[in-house]
N, C-alpha and C. Protein backbone atom coordinates (compact mmCIF):
# COMPACT_ATOMS: atom_id res chain seq x y z
N UNK A 1 6.00 -2.29 -41.13
CA UNK A 1 5.81 -1.69 -39.84
C UNK A 1 7.10 -0.99 -39.43
N UNK A 2 6.94 0.18 -38.84
CA UNK A 2 8.08 0.96 -38.36
C UNK A 2 8.67 0.29 -37.12
N UNK A 3 9.97 0.12 -37.10
CA UNK A 3 10.64 -0.45 -35.93
C UNK A 3 10.92 0.69 -34.95
N UNK A 4 10.46 0.58 -33.69
CA UNK A 4 10.70 1.64 -32.72
C UNK A 4 12.19 1.85 -32.49
N UNK A 5 12.59 3.10 -32.38
CA UNK A 5 13.99 3.42 -32.13
C UNK A 5 14.29 3.52 -30.64
N UNK A 6 13.28 3.81 -29.84
CA UNK A 6 13.45 4.05 -28.42
C UNK A 6 13.03 2.82 -27.62
N UNK A 7 13.76 1.72 -27.78
CA UNK A 7 13.41 0.46 -27.12
C UNK A 7 14.37 0.22 -25.97
N UNK A 8 13.81 -0.21 -24.85
CA UNK A 8 14.63 -0.61 -23.70
C UNK A 8 14.42 -2.10 -23.48
N UNK A 9 15.48 -2.80 -23.13
CA UNK A 9 15.38 -4.23 -22.86
C UNK A 9 15.59 -4.50 -21.39
N UNK A 10 14.81 -5.42 -20.85
CA UNK A 10 14.95 -5.85 -19.47
C UNK A 10 15.49 -7.27 -19.52
N UNK A 11 16.58 -7.48 -18.79
CA UNK A 11 17.26 -8.77 -18.83
C UNK A 11 17.08 -9.51 -17.51
N UNK A 12 17.00 -10.83 -17.61
CA UNK A 12 16.98 -11.70 -16.43
C UNK A 12 17.99 -12.80 -16.69
N UNK A 13 18.94 -12.92 -15.80
CA UNK A 13 20.01 -13.92 -15.96
C UNK A 13 20.72 -13.77 -17.30
N UNK A 14 20.93 -12.54 -17.71
CA UNK A 14 21.66 -12.27 -18.94
C UNK A 14 20.85 -12.45 -20.21
N UNK A 15 19.61 -12.84 -20.10
CA UNK A 15 18.76 -13.06 -21.27
C UNK A 15 17.67 -11.98 -21.32
N UNK A 16 17.37 -11.45 -22.51
CA UNK A 16 16.29 -10.48 -22.59
C UNK A 16 14.96 -11.16 -22.30
N UNK A 17 14.17 -10.54 -21.41
CA UNK A 17 12.85 -11.12 -21.11
C UNK A 17 11.73 -10.14 -21.41
N UNK A 18 12.03 -8.83 -21.52
CA UNK A 18 11.02 -7.83 -21.86
C UNK A 18 11.65 -6.78 -22.78
N UNK A 19 10.82 -6.25 -23.65
CA UNK A 19 11.20 -5.09 -24.45
C UNK A 19 10.20 -4.00 -24.12
N UNK A 20 10.68 -2.85 -23.72
CA UNK A 20 9.84 -1.73 -23.36
C UNK A 20 9.89 -0.72 -24.50
N UNK A 21 8.71 -0.40 -25.04
CA UNK A 21 8.64 0.55 -26.15
C UNK A 21 7.77 1.72 -25.75
N UNK A 22 7.91 2.87 -26.40
CA UNK A 22 7.04 4.00 -26.09
C UNK A 22 5.58 3.62 -26.33
N UNK A 23 4.71 4.17 -25.49
CA UNK A 23 3.30 3.83 -25.55
C UNK A 23 2.69 4.13 -26.92
N UNK A 24 3.05 5.25 -27.52
CA UNK A 24 2.51 5.59 -28.84
C UNK A 24 2.91 4.54 -29.88
N UNK A 25 4.13 4.02 -29.78
CA UNK A 25 4.55 2.96 -30.70
C UNK A 25 3.75 1.68 -30.46
N UNK A 26 3.46 1.42 -29.20
CA UNK A 26 2.64 0.25 -28.86
C UNK A 26 1.25 0.37 -29.47
N UNK A 27 0.63 1.56 -29.32
CA UNK A 27 -0.69 1.77 -29.90
C UNK A 27 -0.66 1.64 -31.42
N UNK A 28 0.37 2.16 -32.04
CA UNK A 28 0.51 2.03 -33.49
C UNK A 28 0.63 0.56 -33.89
N UNK A 29 1.40 -0.19 -33.14
CA UNK A 29 1.54 -1.62 -33.41
C UNK A 29 0.18 -2.31 -33.33
N UNK A 30 -0.58 -2.01 -32.28
CA UNK A 30 -1.90 -2.62 -32.15
C UNK A 30 -2.81 -2.23 -33.30
N UNK A 31 -2.74 -0.97 -33.70
CA UNK A 31 -3.56 -0.53 -34.82
C UNK A 31 -3.18 -1.30 -36.07
N UNK A 32 -1.91 -1.48 -36.30
CA UNK A 32 -1.45 -2.16 -37.51
C UNK A 32 -1.85 -3.62 -37.54
N UNK A 33 -1.94 -4.26 -36.42
CA UNK A 33 -2.34 -5.67 -36.40
C UNK A 33 -3.83 -5.83 -36.10
N UNK A 34 -4.52 -4.68 -36.10
CA UNK A 34 -5.97 -4.67 -35.87
C UNK A 34 -6.34 -5.42 -34.60
N UNK A 35 -5.61 -5.10 -33.52
CA UNK A 35 -5.84 -5.80 -32.26
C UNK A 35 -6.12 -4.83 -31.12
N UNK A 36 -6.80 -3.76 -31.39
CA UNK A 36 -7.05 -2.78 -30.34
C UNK A 36 -7.83 -3.36 -29.17
N UNK A 37 -8.53 -4.46 -29.39
CA UNK A 37 -9.32 -5.04 -28.31
C UNK A 37 -8.46 -5.69 -27.24
N UNK A 38 -7.15 -5.82 -27.46
CA UNK A 38 -6.30 -6.44 -26.44
C UNK A 38 -5.77 -5.43 -25.44
N UNK A 39 -6.14 -4.16 -25.58
CA UNK A 39 -5.72 -3.19 -24.57
C UNK A 39 -6.29 -3.59 -23.22
N UNK A 40 -5.51 -3.46 -22.17
CA UNK A 40 -6.03 -3.86 -20.86
C UNK A 40 -7.19 -2.96 -20.44
N UNK A 41 -8.16 -3.52 -19.71
CA UNK A 41 -9.28 -2.70 -19.26
C UNK A 41 -8.80 -1.68 -18.24
N UNK A 42 -9.56 -0.61 -18.13
CA UNK A 42 -9.23 0.39 -17.11
C UNK A 42 -9.47 -0.22 -15.74
N UNK A 43 -8.66 0.16 -14.77
CA UNK A 43 -8.87 -0.41 -13.43
C UNK A 43 -10.24 -0.05 -12.89
N UNK A 44 -10.81 -0.96 -12.14
CA UNK A 44 -12.11 -0.71 -11.50
C UNK A 44 -11.93 0.33 -10.41
N UNK A 45 -12.95 1.12 -10.16
CA UNK A 45 -12.85 2.08 -9.06
C UNK A 45 -12.65 1.33 -7.74
N UNK A 46 -11.93 1.92 -6.85
CA UNK A 46 -11.67 1.26 -5.58
C UNK A 46 -12.47 1.91 -4.47
N UNK A 47 -12.82 1.10 -3.50
CA UNK A 47 -13.50 1.58 -2.31
C UNK A 47 -12.63 1.22 -1.12
N UNK A 48 -12.52 2.10 -0.20
CA UNK A 48 -11.73 1.84 0.99
C UNK A 48 -12.62 1.27 2.09
N UNK A 49 -12.19 0.18 2.72
CA UNK A 49 -12.99 -0.35 3.83
C UNK A 49 -13.08 0.65 4.97
N UNK A 50 -12.13 1.56 5.05
CA UNK A 50 -12.15 2.55 6.13
C UNK A 50 -13.20 3.61 5.90
N UNK A 51 -13.62 3.80 4.62
CA UNK A 51 -14.60 4.83 4.34
C UNK A 51 -15.95 4.25 3.94
N UNK A 52 -16.04 2.92 3.84
CA UNK A 52 -17.34 2.34 3.51
C UNK A 52 -18.25 2.47 4.72
N UNK A 53 -19.57 2.47 4.51
CA UNK A 53 -20.49 2.72 5.62
C UNK A 53 -20.28 1.82 6.82
N UNK A 54 -20.08 0.52 6.60
CA UNK A 54 -19.91 -0.39 7.73
C UNK A 54 -18.44 -0.59 8.06
N UNK A 55 -17.54 -0.09 7.23
CA UNK A 55 -16.13 -0.31 7.46
C UNK A 55 -15.76 -1.77 7.29
N UNK A 56 -16.57 -2.51 6.56
CA UNK A 56 -16.42 -3.95 6.45
C UNK A 56 -15.75 -4.34 5.14
N UNK A 57 -14.75 -5.19 5.21
CA UNK A 57 -14.14 -5.70 3.98
C UNK A 57 -15.15 -6.51 3.18
N UNK A 58 -16.02 -7.22 3.88
CA UNK A 58 -17.06 -7.99 3.20
C UNK A 58 -17.96 -7.09 2.37
N UNK A 59 -18.43 -5.99 2.97
CA UNK A 59 -19.29 -5.06 2.24
C UNK A 59 -18.54 -4.38 1.10
N UNK A 60 -17.28 -4.03 1.35
CA UNK A 60 -16.49 -3.40 0.30
C UNK A 60 -16.30 -4.36 -0.87
N UNK A 61 -15.97 -5.61 -0.57
CA UNK A 61 -15.79 -6.60 -1.64
C UNK A 61 -17.09 -6.75 -2.43
N UNK A 62 -18.21 -6.84 -1.71
CA UNK A 62 -19.50 -7.02 -2.37
C UNK A 62 -19.79 -5.86 -3.32
N UNK A 63 -19.56 -4.64 -2.86
CA UNK A 63 -19.82 -3.47 -3.71
C UNK A 63 -18.88 -3.43 -4.91
N UNK A 64 -17.61 -3.79 -4.71
CA UNK A 64 -16.66 -3.82 -5.83
C UNK A 64 -17.09 -4.83 -6.88
N UNK A 65 -17.72 -5.91 -6.46
CA UNK A 65 -18.21 -6.93 -7.39
C UNK A 65 -19.52 -6.53 -8.05
N UNK A 66 -20.12 -5.43 -7.55
CA UNK A 66 -21.40 -4.98 -8.10
C UNK A 66 -22.56 -5.86 -7.67
N UNK A 67 -22.43 -6.46 -6.50
CA UNK A 67 -23.46 -7.38 -6.00
C UNK A 67 -24.25 -6.69 -4.90
N UNK A 68 -25.56 -6.75 -4.99
CA UNK A 68 -26.41 -6.20 -3.93
C UNK A 68 -26.41 -7.15 -2.74
N UNK A 69 -26.86 -6.63 -1.60
CA UNK A 69 -26.97 -7.49 -0.42
C UNK A 69 -27.96 -8.62 -0.68
N UNK A 70 -29.04 -8.31 -1.39
CA UNK A 70 -30.04 -9.35 -1.70
C UNK A 70 -29.43 -10.44 -2.58
N UNK A 71 -28.65 -10.04 -3.59
CA UNK A 71 -28.03 -11.01 -4.48
C UNK A 71 -27.01 -11.85 -3.73
N UNK A 72 -26.23 -11.22 -2.86
CA UNK A 72 -25.25 -11.97 -2.09
C UNK A 72 -25.95 -12.99 -1.20
N UNK A 73 -27.03 -12.58 -0.56
CA UNK A 73 -27.79 -13.50 0.28
C UNK A 73 -28.30 -14.68 -0.53
N UNK A 74 -28.84 -14.39 -1.72
CA UNK A 74 -29.36 -15.46 -2.58
C UNK A 74 -28.25 -16.45 -2.94
N UNK A 75 -27.06 -15.91 -3.30
CA UNK A 75 -25.94 -16.79 -3.68
C UNK A 75 -25.44 -17.63 -2.51
N UNK A 76 -25.52 -17.06 -1.31
CA UNK A 76 -25.04 -17.78 -0.13
C UNK A 76 -26.11 -18.68 0.49
N UNK A 77 -27.36 -18.49 0.06
CA UNK A 77 -28.45 -19.29 0.61
C UNK A 77 -28.84 -18.86 2.01
N UNK A 78 -28.69 -17.56 2.29
CA UNK A 78 -29.07 -17.03 3.60
C UNK A 78 -30.02 -15.86 3.39
N UNK A 79 -30.59 -15.36 4.49
CA UNK A 79 -31.49 -14.21 4.41
C UNK A 79 -30.68 -12.93 4.19
N UNK A 80 -31.29 -11.98 3.51
CA UNK A 80 -30.63 -10.69 3.29
C UNK A 80 -30.31 -10.02 4.62
N UNK A 81 -31.17 -10.19 5.61
CA UNK A 81 -30.93 -9.61 6.92
C UNK A 81 -29.62 -10.13 7.53
N UNK A 82 -29.28 -11.39 7.22
CA UNK A 82 -28.03 -11.94 7.73
C UNK A 82 -26.82 -11.27 7.09
N UNK A 83 -26.92 -10.96 5.80
CA UNK A 83 -25.84 -10.24 5.13
C UNK A 83 -25.68 -8.86 5.74
N UNK A 84 -26.80 -8.19 5.97
CA UNK A 84 -26.77 -6.86 6.59
C UNK A 84 -26.09 -6.94 7.95
N UNK A 85 -26.45 -7.96 8.75
CA UNK A 85 -25.85 -8.12 10.08
C UNK A 85 -24.35 -8.40 9.98
N UNK A 86 -23.94 -9.27 9.05
CA UNK A 86 -22.52 -9.58 8.89
C UNK A 86 -21.72 -8.31 8.54
N UNK A 87 -22.26 -7.52 7.64
CA UNK A 87 -21.56 -6.30 7.26
C UNK A 87 -21.55 -5.30 8.42
N UNK A 88 -22.65 -5.22 9.17
CA UNK A 88 -22.72 -4.28 10.30
C UNK A 88 -21.77 -4.69 11.42
N UNK A 89 -21.49 -6.00 11.52
CA UNK A 89 -20.56 -6.47 12.54
C UNK A 89 -19.13 -6.06 12.19
N UNK A 90 -18.93 -5.60 10.97
CA UNK A 90 -17.58 -5.18 10.58
C UNK A 90 -16.70 -6.36 10.25
N UNK A 91 -17.29 -7.43 9.71
CA UNK A 91 -16.52 -8.61 9.33
C UNK A 91 -15.35 -8.19 8.47
N UNK A 92 -14.16 -8.45 8.93
CA UNK A 92 -12.97 -8.07 8.19
C UNK A 92 -12.59 -6.61 8.37
N UNK A 93 -13.11 -5.99 9.41
CA UNK A 93 -12.86 -4.56 9.63
C UNK A 93 -11.37 -4.29 9.75
N UNK A 94 -10.93 -3.24 9.08
CA UNK A 94 -9.53 -2.82 9.16
C UNK A 94 -9.43 -1.78 10.26
N UNK A 95 -8.54 -2.02 11.20
CA UNK A 95 -8.35 -1.04 12.28
C UNK A 95 -6.90 -0.64 12.33
N UNK A 96 -6.65 0.42 13.03
CA UNK A 96 -5.27 0.74 13.22
C UNK A 96 -4.95 2.11 12.88
């Protein structure tokens, strides 16, 4: 395996704790050890509570989790109408 020439070290209390290598070298390393599956997943899309329909953090969290209002109600043991009301109340609303 080729040793990267462009390595930076990050030290903590005088001891090296991280080695920073160019991304292409990192990908090559992963290819060589046949470990491409360890690449971190792409970040999930984000929703802003300020732009969500109810402006509710609860509703935003639910949508980010990919959970419908009906599914959330089932998991909580309440009626779907109650979830709708909680989100409409702006539970966790961000203001300012």
